[in-house]
C-alpha atoms as a PDB file:
ATOM      1  CA  MET A   1     -52.277  36.873 -14.269  1.00  0.00           C
ATOM      2  CA  ILE A   2     -54.355  33.613 -14.519  1.00  0.00           C
ATOM      3  CA  THR A   3     -57.640  31.627 -14.101  1.00  0.00           C
ATOM      4  CA  LEU A   4     -58.986  28.081 -14.752  1.00  0.00           C
ATOM      5  CA  PRO A   5     -62.838  28.884 -14.863  1.00  0.00           C
ATOM      6  CA  GLY A   6     -63.729  25.397 -14.505  1.00  0.00           C
ATOM      7  CA  ARG A   7     -61.070  23.782 -12.723  1.00  0.00           C
ATOM      8  CA  ARG A   8     -61.581  22.508  -9.112  1.00  0.00           C
ATOM      9  CA  ALA A   9     -59.031  21.989  -6.744  1.00  0.00           C
ATOM     10  CA  ARG A  10     -57.080  19.040  -6.188  1.00  0.00           C
ATOM     11  CA  VAL A  11     -56.623  17.392  -2.484  1.00  0.00           C
ATOM     12  CA  MET A  12     -53.003  15.894  -2.173  1.00  0.00           C
ATOM     13  CA  ALA A  13     -52.893  16.166   1.860  1.00  0.00           C
ATOM     14  CA  ALA A  14     -55.428  15.782   4.493  1.00  0.00           C
ATOM     15  CA  THR A  15     -54.278  18.860   6.505  1.00  0.00           C
ATOM     16  CA  THR A  16     -57.174  21.210   5.500  1.00  0.00           C
ATOM     17  CA  ALA A  17     -60.911  20.425   5.786  1.00  0.00           C
ATOM     18  CA  THR A  18     -61.304  22.384   2.510  1.00  0.00           C
ATOM     19  CA  ALA A  19     -60.771  21.384  -1.052  1.00  0.00           C
ATOM     20  CA  GLY A  20     -57.107  22.195  -2.386  1.00  0.00           C
ATOM     21  CA  LEU A  21     -54.072  20.901  -3.627  1.00  0.00           C
ATOM     22  CA  VAL A  22     -51.759  21.360  -0.430  1.00  0.00           C
ATOM     23  CA  LEU A  23     -47.993  21.335  -1.052  1.00  0.00           C
ATOM     24  CA  MET A  24     -45.443  22.650   1.463  1.00  0.00           C
ATOM     25  CA  ALA A  25     -43.379  25.065  -0.250  1.00  0.00           C
ATOM     26  CA  GLY A  26     -39.497  24.338  -1.464  1.00  0.00           C
ATOM     27  CA  CYS A  27     -38.092  25.874   1.641  1.00  0.00           C
ATOM     28  CA  THR A  28     -40.477  24.574   4.450  1.00  0.00           C
ATOM     29  CA  SER A  29     -41.498  21.312   5.845  1.00  0.00           C
ATOM     30  CA  THR A  30     -45.062  20.254   7.297  1.00  0.00           C
ATOM     31  CA  GLY A  31     -44.629  20.682  10.945  1.00  0.00           C
ATOM     32  CA  SER A  32     -46.915  19.412  13.347  1.00  0.00           C
ATOM     33  CA  GLY A  33     -49.500  22.523  13.765  1.00  0.00           C
ATOM     34  CA  GLY A  34     -52.859  21.478  14.043  1.00  0.00           C
ATOM     35  CA  SER A  35     -55.911  22.689  11.750  1.00  0.00           C
ATOM     36  CA  GLY A  36     -57.220  25.225  14.160  1.00  0.00           C
ATOM     37  CA  GLY A  37     -56.035  28.949  13.933  1.00  0.00           C
ATOM     38  CA  GLY A  38     -53.184  30.511  15.776  1.00  0.00           C
ATOM     39  CA  THR A  39     -51.223  33.888  16.427  1.00  0.00           C
ATOM     40  CA  ALA A  40     -47.895  34.156  15.090  1.00  0.00           C
ATOM     41  CA  ALA A  41     -45.159  36.807  16.136  1.00  0.00           C
ATOM     42  CA  GLY A  42     -46.379  40.486  15.873  1.00  0.00           C
ATOM     43  CA  GLY A  43     -49.851  38.982  16.993  1.00  0.00           C
ATOM     44  CA  VAL A  44     -50.669  38.136  13.280  1.00  0.00           C
ATOM     45  CA  GLU A  45     -53.771  35.751  13.486  1.00  0.00           C
ATOM     46  CA  LEU A  46     -53.306  32.797  10.926  1.00  0.00           C
ATOM     47  CA  VAL A  47     -56.039  30.339   9.781  1.00  0.00           C
ATOM     48  CA  ARG A  48     -53.881  27.249  10.768  1.00  0.00           C
ATOM     49  CA  ALA A  49     -51.540  27.089  13.835  1.00  0.00           C
ATOM     50  CA  GLY A  50     -47.822  27.164  12.754  1.00  0.00           C
ATOM     51  CA  ARG A  51     -48.256  27.557   9.165  1.00  0.00           C
ATOM     52  CA  LEU A  52     -48.751  30.657   7.049  1.00  0.00           C
ATOM     53  CA  THR A  53     -51.219  29.641   4.440  1.00  0.00           C
ATOM     54  CA  THR A  54     -50.688  30.657   0.870  1.00  0.00           C
ATOM     55  CA  CYS A  55     -53.210  30.151  -1.891  1.00  0.00           C
ATOM     56  CA  THR A  56     -51.796  30.294  -5.258  1.00  0.00           C
ATOM     57  CA  HIS A  57     -52.498  28.818  -8.994  1.00  0.00           C
ATOM     58  CA  LEU A  58     -50.263  26.522 -10.407  1.00  0.00           C
ATOM     59  CA  PRO A  59     -48.029  26.348 -12.531  1.00  0.00           C
ATOM     60  CA  TYR A  60     -47.181  29.987 -12.999  1.00  0.00           C
ATOM     61  CA  PRO A  61     -43.177  29.569 -13.271  1.00  0.00           C
ATOM     62  CA  PRO A  62     -40.836  31.406 -12.476  1.00  0.00           C
ATOM     63  CA  PHE A  63     -43.280  32.519  -9.741  1.00  0.00           C
ATOM     64  CA  GLN A  64     -44.685  29.273  -8.394  1.00  0.00           C
ATOM     65  CA  SER A  65     -44.561  25.955  -9.787  1.00  0.00           C
ATOM     66  CA  GLU A  66     -44.135  22.448  -8.962  1.00  0.00           C
ATOM     67  CA  ILE A  67     -40.346  21.282  -9.042  1.00  0.00           C
ATOM     68  CA  ASP A  68     -38.975  17.795  -7.865  1.00  0.00           C
ATOM     69  CA  GLY A  69     -42.221  17.281  -5.828  1.00  0.00           C
ATOM     70  CA  LYS A  70     -41.884  20.882  -4.324  1.00  0.00           C
ATOM     71  CA  VAL A  71     -43.674  23.985  -5.160  1.00  0.00           C
ATOM     72  CA  GLN A  72     -40.762  26.731  -5.690  1.00  0.00           C
ATOM     73  CA  GLY A  73     -40.664  30.011  -7.437  1.00  0.00           C
ATOM     74  CA  PHE A  74     -39.853  33.765  -6.670  1.00  0.00           C
ATOM     75  CA  ASP A  75     -43.170  34.311  -4.966  1.00  0.00           C
ATOM     76  CA  VAL A  76     -42.626  31.204  -2.777  1.00  0.00           C
ATOM     77  CA  SER A  77     -39.386  32.250  -1.779  1.00  0.00           C
ATOM     78  CA  LEU A  78     -40.756  35.949  -0.995  1.00  0.00           C
ATOM     79  CA  ILE A  79     -43.462  34.377   1.229  1.00  0.00           C
ATOM     80  CA  ASP A  80     -41.070  32.037   2.785  1.00  0.00           C
ATOM     81  CA  LEU A  81     -39.484  34.919   4.305  1.00  0.00           C
ATOM     82  CA  VAL A  82     -42.440  36.620   5.809  1.00  0.00           C
ATOM     83  CA  ALA A  83     -43.110  32.983   7.300  1.00  0.00           C
ATOM     84  CA  LYS A  84     -39.705  32.967   8.773  1.00  0.00           C
ATOM     85  CA  ASP A  85     -40.305  36.609  10.434  1.00  0.00           C
ATOM     86  CA  LEU A  86     -43.617  35.180  11.784  1.00  0.00           C
ATOM     87  CA  GLY A  87     -41.743  32.005  13.343  1.00  0.00           C
ATOM     88  CA  VAL A  88     -44.057  29.402  11.138  1.00  0.00           C
ATOM     89  CA  LYS A  89     -43.879  27.570   8.080  1.00  0.00           C
ATOM     90  CA  GLN A  90     -45.301  28.391   4.508  1.00  0.00           C
ATOM     91  CA  GLN A  91     -48.040  25.949   3.082  1.00  0.00           C
ATOM     92  CA  ILE A  92     -49.218  26.218  -0.320  1.00  0.00           C
ATOM     93  CA  VAL A  93     -52.782  25.441  -1.440  1.00  0.00           C
ATOM     94  CA  ASP A  94     -53.358  25.392  -5.225  1.00  0.00           C
ATOM     95  CA  THR A  95     -56.794  26.948  -6.094  1.00  0.00           C
ATOM     96  CA  PRO A  96     -58.535  28.488  -8.954  1.00  0.00           C
ATOM     97  CA  PHE A  97     -57.506  31.978 -10.016  1.00  0.00           C
ATOM     98  CA  GLU A  98     -61.023  33.514  -9.958  1.00  0.00           C
ATOM     99  CA  ASN A  99     -61.298  32.779  -5.989  1.00  0.00           C
ATOM    100  CA  PHE A 100     -58.254  35.515  -5.804  1.00  0.00           C
ATOM    101  CA  LYS A 101     -59.986  38.286  -7.614  1.00  0.00           C
ATOM    102  CA  THR A 102     -63.075  38.020  -5.290  1.00  0.00           C
ATOM    103  CA  GLY A 103     -61.094  37.229  -2.163  1.00  0.00           C
ATOM    104  CA  ALA A 104     -63.257  34.217  -1.739  1.00  0.00           C
ATOM    105  CA  PHE A 105     -60.464  31.765  -0.154  1.00  0.00           C
ATOM    106  CA  LEU A 106     -59.498  34.742   1.988  1.00  0.00           C
ATOM    107  CA  ASN A 107     -62.968  35.175   3.508  1.00  0.00           C
ATOM    108  CA  SER A 108     -63.789  31.638   3.986  1.00  0.00           C
ATOM    109  CA  GLY A 109     -60.492  31.028   6.108  1.00  0.00           C
ATOM    110  CA  GLN A 110     -58.900  28.638   3.872  1.00  0.00           C
ATOM    111  CA  CYS A 111     -55.795  30.810   3.287  1.00  0.00           C
ATOM    112  CA  ASP A 112     -54.141  33.427   4.974  1.00  0.00           C
ATOM    113  CA  LEU A 113     -52.986  35.345   1.550  1.00  0.00           C
ATOM    114  CA  ALA A 114     -52.555  34.811  -1.743  1.00  0.00           C
ATOM    115  CA  ALA A 115     -49.392  34.815  -3.848  1.00  0.00           C
ATOM    116  CA  ALA A 116     -49.805  34.277  -7.437  1.00  0.00           C
ATOM    117  CA  GLY A 117     -47.791  36.792  -9.793  1.00  0.00           C
ATOM    118  CA  MET A 118     -51.072  39.048  -9.455  1.00  0.00           C
ATOM    119  CA  THR A 119     -51.316  42.500 -10.908  1.00  0.00           C
ATOM    120  CA  ILE A 120     -52.565  45.164  -8.828  1.00  0.00           C
ATOM    121  CA  THR A 121     -55.980  46.620 -10.154  1.00  0.00           C
ATOM    122  CA  ALA A 122     -58.732  48.873  -8.879  1.00  0.00           C
ATOM    123  CA  GLU A 123     -61.352  46.036  -9.525  1.00  0.00           C
ATOM    124  CA  ARG A 124     -59.382  43.671  -7.319  1.00  0.00           C
ATOM    125  CA  ARG A 125     -58.762  45.882  -4.600  1.00  0.00           C
ATOM    126  CA  LYS A 126     -62.594  46.360  -3.994  1.00  0.00           C
ATOM    127  CA  ASN A 127     -62.501  42.972  -2.493  1.00  0.00           C
ATOM    128  CA  VAL A 128     -58.819  42.354  -1.138  1.00  0.00           C
ATOM    129  CA  ASP A 129     -56.242  44.317   0.349  1.00  0.00           C
ATOM    130  CA  PHE A 130     -52.626  44.400  -1.780  1.00  0.00           C
ATOM    131  CA  SER A 131     -49.397  44.502  -0.041  1.00  0.00           C
ATOM    132  CA  ASP A 132     -46.885  47.265  -1.439  1.00  0.00           C
ATOM    133  CA  PRO A 133     -46.025  45.993  -5.300  1.00  0.00           C
ATOM    134  CA  TYR A 134     -42.957  43.884  -5.352  1.00  0.00           C
ATOM    135  CA  PHE A 135     -42.535  43.511  -9.083  1.00  0.00           C
ATOM    136  CA  ASN A 136     -43.046  45.697 -11.955  1.00  0.00           C
ATOM    137  CA  ALA A 137     -44.232  43.529 -15.054  1.00  0.00           C
ATOM    138  CA  THR A 138     -44.607  43.919 -18.664  1.00  0.00           C
ATOM    139  CA  GLN A 139     -46.325  41.727 -21.305  1.00  0.00           C
ATOM    140  CA  ALA A 140     -44.384  40.179 -24.150  1.00  0.00           C
ATOM    141  CA  VAL A 141     -45.309  39.007 -27.437  1.00  0.00           C
ATOM    142  CA  LEU A 142     -43.746  35.584 -28.206  1.00  0.00           C
ATOM    143  CA  VAL A 143     -43.688  33.936 -31.599  1.00  0.00           C
ATOM    144  CA  ASN A 144     -42.145  30.831 -33.606  1.00  0.00           C
ATOM    145  CA  ARG A 145     -38.819  32.042 -35.264  1.00  0.00           C
ATOM    146  CA  SER A 146     -40.383  30.787 -38.434  1.00  0.00           C
ATOM    147  CA  SER A 147     -43.371  32.505 -38.472  1.00  0.00           C
ATOM    148  CA  GLY A 148     -42.433  35.535 -40.124  1.00  0.00           C
ATOM    149  CA  ILE A 149     -44.065  37.766 -37.590  1.00  0.00           C
ATOM    150  CA  ALA A 150     -41.859  40.774 -36.268  1.00  0.00           C
ATOM    151  CA  SER A 151     -44.474  42.387 -33.967  1.00  0.00           C
ATOM    152  CA  LEU A 152     -47.762  42.395 -32.480  1.00  0.00           C
ATOM    153  CA  ALA A 153     -49.069  44.577 -35.361  1.00  0.00           C
ATOM    154  CA  ASP A 154     -47.995  41.638 -37.691  1.00  0.00           C
ATOM    155  CA  VAL A 155     -50.121  39.612 -35.954  1.00  0.00           C
ATOM    156  CA  LYS A 156     -53.183  41.139 -37.106  1.00  0.00           C
ATOM    157  CA  ALA A 157     -51.810  42.174 -40.504  1.00  0.00           C
ATOM    158  CA  LYS A 158     -51.076  38.335 -41.175  1.00  0.00           C
ATOM    159  CA  GLY A 159     -54.280  37.246 -39.720  1.00  0.00           C
ATOM    160  CA  ALA A 160     -52.491  35.101 -37.345  1.00  0.00           C
ATOM    161  CA  LYS A 161     -53.961  33.484 -34.294  1.00  0.00           C
ATOM    162  CA  LEU A 162     -52.850  34.905 -31.030  1.00  0.00           C
ATOM    163  CA  GLY A 163     -52.988  33.057 -27.668  1.00  0.00           C
ATOM    164  CA  ALA A 164     -53.168  34.133 -24.142  1.00  0.00           C
ATOM    165  CA  GLN A 165     -53.838  32.932 -20.415  1.00  0.00           C
ATOM    166  CA  ALA A 166     -57.653  33.040 -19.697  1.00  0.00           C
ATOM    167  CA  GLN A 167     -58.750  36.052 -17.497  1.00  0.00           C
ATOM    168  CA  THR A 168     -55.509  37.263 -17.257  1.00  0.00           C
ATOM    169  CA  THR A 169     -54.434  40.921 -17.817  1.00  0.00           C
ATOM    170  CA  GLY A 170     -52.496  39.667 -20.927  1.00  0.00           C
ATOM    171  CA  GLU A 171     -55.918  38.466 -22.172  1.00  0.00           C
ATOM    172  CA  ASP A 172     -57.567  41.943 -21.245  1.00  0.00           C
ATOM    173  CA  PHE A 173     -54.602  43.572 -23.124  1.00  0.00           C
ATOM    174  CA  ALA A 174     -55.242  41.765 -26.428  1.00  0.00           C
ATOM    175  CA  LYS A 175     -58.838  42.258 -26.293  1.00  0.00           C
ATOM    176  CA  LYS A 176     -58.439  46.013 -26.127  1.00  0.00           C
ATOM    177  CA  ARG A 177     -56.458  46.327 -29.098  1.00  0.00           C
ATOM    178  CA  GLY A 178     -59.031  44.300 -31.240  1.00  0.00           C
ATOM    179  CA  PHE A 179     -58.149  40.740 -30.921  1.00  0.00           C
ATOM    180  CA  ASP A 180     -59.959  37.769 -30.141  1.00  0.00           C
ATOM    181  CA  PRO A 181     -57.243  35.701 -28.258  1.00  0.00           C
ATOM    182  CA  VAL A 182     -57.382  32.044 -28.037  1.00  0.00           C
ATOM    183  CA  SER A 183     -57.844  31.318 -24.563  1.00  0.00           C
ATOM    184  CA  PHE A 184     -55.702  28.718 -22.518  1.00  0.00           C
ATOM    185  CA  GLU A 185     -55.778  27.347 -18.914  1.00  0.00           C
ATOM    186  CA  SER A 186     -52.685  27.670 -17.716  1.00  0.00           C
ATOM    187  CA  SER A 187     -49.075  28.869 -18.774  1.00  0.00           C
ATOM    188  CA  ASP A 188     -48.162  25.747 -19.691  1.00  0.00           C
ATOM    189  CA  ALA A 189     -50.796  25.397 -22.089  1.00  0.00           C
ATOM    190  CA  VAL A 190     -50.096  28.808 -23.557  1.00  0.00           C
ATOM    191  CA  LEU A 191     -46.765  27.678 -24.589  1.00  0.00           C
ATOM    192  CA  ASN A 192     -48.190  24.185 -25.681  1.00  0.00           C
ATOM    193  CA  GLY A 193     -50.467  26.059 -27.946  1.00  0.00           C
ATOM    194  CA  LEU A 194     -47.652  27.934 -29.551  1.00  0.00           C
ATOM    195  CA  ARG A 195     -45.637  24.854 -29.935  1.00  0.00           C
ATOM    196  CA  THR A 196     -48.370  22.993 -31.740  1.00  0.00           C
ATOM    197  CA  GLY A 197     -49.255  25.586 -34.135  1.00  0.00           C
ATOM    198  CA  GLN A 198     -52.645  26.024 -32.344  1.00  0.00           C
ATOM    199  CA  VAL A 199     -51.450  29.671 -32.114  1.00  0.00           C
ATOM    200  CA  GLN A 200     -48.747  31.815 -34.084  1.00  0.00           C
ATOM    201  CA  ALA A 201     -48.083  34.126 -31.236  1.00  0.00           C
ATOM    202  CA  VAL A 202     -48.736  34.460 -27.709  1.00  0.00           C
ATOM    203  CA  VAL A 203     -49.156  37.546 -25.258  1.00  0.00           C
ATOM    204  CA  ILE A 204     -48.183  36.656 -21.502  1.00  0.00           C
ATOM    205  CA  ASP A 205     -46.133  38.535 -18.515  1.00  0.00           C
ATOM    206  CA  TYR A 206     -42.555  39.101 -19.695  1.00  0.00           C
ATOM    207  CA  PRO A 207     -41.037  36.995 -16.668  1.00  0.00           C
ATOM    208  CA  VAL A 208     -42.942  33.902 -18.111  1.00  0.00           C
ATOM    209  CA  VAL A 209     -41.555  34.262 -21.080  1.00  0.00           C
ATOM    210  CA  GLN A 210     -38.037  34.823 -19.788  1.00  0.00           C
ATOM    211  CA  GLY A 211     -38.242  31.542 -17.534  1.00  0.00           C
ATOM    212  CA  TRP A 212     -39.178  29.429 -20.921  1.00  0.00           C
ATOM    213  CA  LEU A 213     -36.479  30.867 -22.686  1.00  0.00           C
ATOM    214  CA  LYS A 214     -33.839  29.870 -20.134  1.00  0.00           C
ATOM    215  CA  ASN A 215     -34.630  26.349 -21.875  1.00  0.00           C
ATOM    216  CA  LYS A 216     -32.352  26.334 -24.703  1.00  0.00           C
ATOM    217  CA  ALA A 217     -34.369  24.257 -26.767  1.00  0.00           C
ATOM    218  CA  ASP A 218     -37.168  26.589 -26.389  1.00  0.00           C
ATOM    219  CA  ALA A 219     -34.880  29.613 -26.910  1.00  0.00           C
ATOM    220  CA  LYS A 220     -33.805  28.115 -30.421  1.00  0.00           C
ATOM    221  CA  VAL A 221     -37.421  27.874 -31.450  1.00  0.00           C
ATOM    222  CA  PHE A 222     -39.302  30.839 -30.062  1.00  0.00           C
ATOM    223  CA  LYS A 223     -38.463  34.572 -29.967  1.00  0.00           C
ATOM    224  CA  VAL A 224     -39.829  37.735 -28.148  1.00  0.00           C
ATOM    225  CA  VAL A 225     -40.814  40.391 -30.966  1.00  0.00           C
ATOM    226  CA  GLY A 226     -42.623  42.957 -28.820  1.00  0.00           C
ATOM    227  CA  ASN A 227     -42.121  43.977 -24.837  1.00  0.00           C
ATOM    228  CA  LEU A 228     -45.192  45.633 -23.944  1.00  0.00           C
ATOM    229  CA  SER A 229     -45.068  48.113 -21.032  1.00  0.00           C
ATOM    230  CA  THR A 230     -48.633  47.916 -19.610  1.00  0.00           C
ATOM    231  CA  GLY A 231     -47.877  49.589 -16.387  1.00  0.00           C
ATOM    232  CA  GLU A 232     -48.444  46.697 -14.349  1.00  0.00           C
ATOM    233  CA  GLN A 233     -47.381  45.957 -10.575  1.00  0.00           C
ATOM    234  CA  TYR A 234     -47.589  42.533  -8.805  1.00  0.00           C
ATOM    235  CA  GLY A 235     -48.752  42.441  -5.128  1.00  0.00           C
ATOM    236  CA  PHE A 236     -49.674  39.949  -2.773  1.00  0.00           C
ATOM    237  CA  THR A 237     -53.067  40.012  -1.241  1.00  0.00           C
ATOM    238  CA  VAL A 238     -54.507  39.169   2.405  1.00  0.00           C
ATOM    239  CA  LYS A 239     -58.284  39.564   3.523  1.00  0.00           C
ATOM    240  CA  LYS A 240     -59.965  43.129   3.594  1.00  0.00           C
ATOM    241  CA  GLY A 241     -58.517  44.718   7.312  1.00  0.00           C
ATOM    242  CA  ASN A 242     -55.931  42.116   7.958  1.00  0.00           C
ATOM    243  CA  THR A 243     -53.492  44.977   8.720  1.00  0.00           C
ATOM    244  CA  LYS A 244     -51.140  43.029  10.904  1.00  0.00           C
ATOM    245  CA  LEU A 245     -50.333  40.354   8.299  1.00  0.00           C
ATOM    246  CA  LEU A 246     -49.963  42.936   5.432  1.00  0.00           C
ATOM    247  CA  ALA A 247     -47.745  44.806   7.475  1.00  0.00           C
ATOM    248  CA  ALA A 248     -45.559  41.752   8.180  1.00  0.00           C
ATOM    249  CA  ILE A 249     -45.486  41.009   4.201  1.00  0.00           C
ATOM    250  CA  ASN A 250     -44.474  44.937   3.443  1.00  0.00           C
ATOM    251  CA  LYS A 251     -41.806  44.422   5.952  1.00  0.00           C
ATOM    252  CA  ALA A 252     -40.371  41.185   4.511  1.00  0.00           C
ATOM    253  CA  ILE A 253     -40.440  42.744   1.133  1.00  0.00           C
ATOM    254  CA  LYS A 254     -38.596  45.972   2.344  1.00  0.00           C
ATOM    255  CA  ASP A 255     -36.115  44.345   4.400  1.00  0.00           C
ATOM    256  CA  ALA A 256     -35.295  41.854   1.248  1.00  0.00           C
ATOM    257  CA  LYS A 257     -34.446  44.741  -0.829  1.00  0.00           C
ATOM    258  CA  ALA A 258     -32.565  46.460   1.585  1.00  0.00           C
ATOM    259  CA  ASP A 259     -30.480  43.440   2.548  1.00  0.00           C
ATOM    260  CA  GLY A 260     -29.641  41.852  -0.924  1.00  0.00           C
ATOM    261  CA  THR A 261     -31.922  38.849  -0.537  1.00  0.00           C
ATOM    262  CA  TYR A 262     -34.386  40.228  -3.106  1.00  0.00           C
ATOM    263  CA  LYS A 263     -31.572  40.660  -5.611  1.00  0.00           C
ATOM    264  CA  LYS A 264     -30.681  37.160  -4.857  1.00  0.00           C
ATOM    265  CA  LEU A 265     -34.121  35.791  -5.536  1.00  0.00           C
ATOM    266  CA  TYR A 266     -34.524  37.665  -8.639  1.00  0.00           C
ATOM    267  CA  GLU A 267     -31.309  36.142  -9.977  1.00  0.00           C
ATOM    268  CA  GLN A 268     -32.334  32.652  -9.021  1.00  0.00           C
ATOM    269  CA  TRP A 269     -35.974  32.533 -10.453  1.00  0.00           C
ATOM    270  CA  ILE A 270     -36.160  35.288 -13.015  1.00  0.00           C
ATOM    271  CA  GLY A 271     -32.833  36.280 -14.496  1.00  0.00           C
ATOM    272  CA  PRO A 272     -30.212  38.904 -14.732  1.00  0.00           C
ATOM    273  CA  TYR A 273     -31.363  41.464 -12.292  1.00  0.00           C
ATOM    274  CA  ASP A 274     -33.333  44.398 -13.497  1.00  0.00           C
ATOM    275  CA  ALA A 275     -33.765  47.279 -10.911  1.00  0.00           C
ATOM    276  CA  SER A 276     -36.795  48.826 -12.862  1.00  0.00           C
ATOM    277  CA  ALA A 277     -38.542  45.705 -12.711  1.00  0.00           C
ATOM    278  CA  ALA A 278     -37.505  44.989  -8.885  1.00  0.00           C
ATOM    279  CA  SER A 279     -38.271  48.418  -7.389  1.00  0.00           C
ATOM    280  CA  PRO A 280     -41.800  49.721  -8.037  1.00  0.00           C
ATOM    281  CA  SER A 281     -42.978  52.367  -6.095  1.00  0.00           C
ATOM    282  CA  ALA A 282     -46.129  51.764  -3.892  1.00  0.00           C
ATOM    283  CA  SER A 283     -49.144  52.334  -5.927  1.00  0.00           C
END
């Protein structure tokens, strides 16, 4: 997943003392909790009373994006389940992604957790604690149908420009294979770069591409020419040592898979249910 290196968070509500685009998740409401911390069900300590505060980075559909003035998506819906179990409301804070890798907003008490379609890596584990993996991800190569490109190897052979989202595992993948990808700030910018011809191919998480291709107009213009298995798994993160919240997240994921809720949300936000992507083992 992603980052905007120079981006600063925007303030949209005066419900937090720190900078950040504060939005309520699609299935929640603002509530009347104060700005001080509180304790939720199971003894989980929260940075704000009555709220499970989630740091994310927008947009990254189908996992999180603003739709009709509300932040919605697969990650949002899963964390709503955690909030429900805790007896609180979820609140979304839009922040630069580099802070997720360092755990900065978790350590400063701005957020309880981060949910951003984030790949579990050994480097990131040094700074944050990851939940059980909840999604197996692959990288996709997307091109314009008229480009004549039929594979990632073709991109290099034809001297075409390859795009990727800045500071993501997709960008890392491209660099390790000898590409010098054009970096874009967000997933929206990646797609726009392909649309406008700034690049002739892009590498990005396949679920994101699935979301794009749900749009019939995009599906007519673009096609996937490679699905690259990179062994990536997504996880949610908490501040190191926050074992109670981590346990609550893992329980919600497990329960959702057991009672069919996970499958329902997967089909709602991502597409036809893929059991292999939906049921990663703990890493």
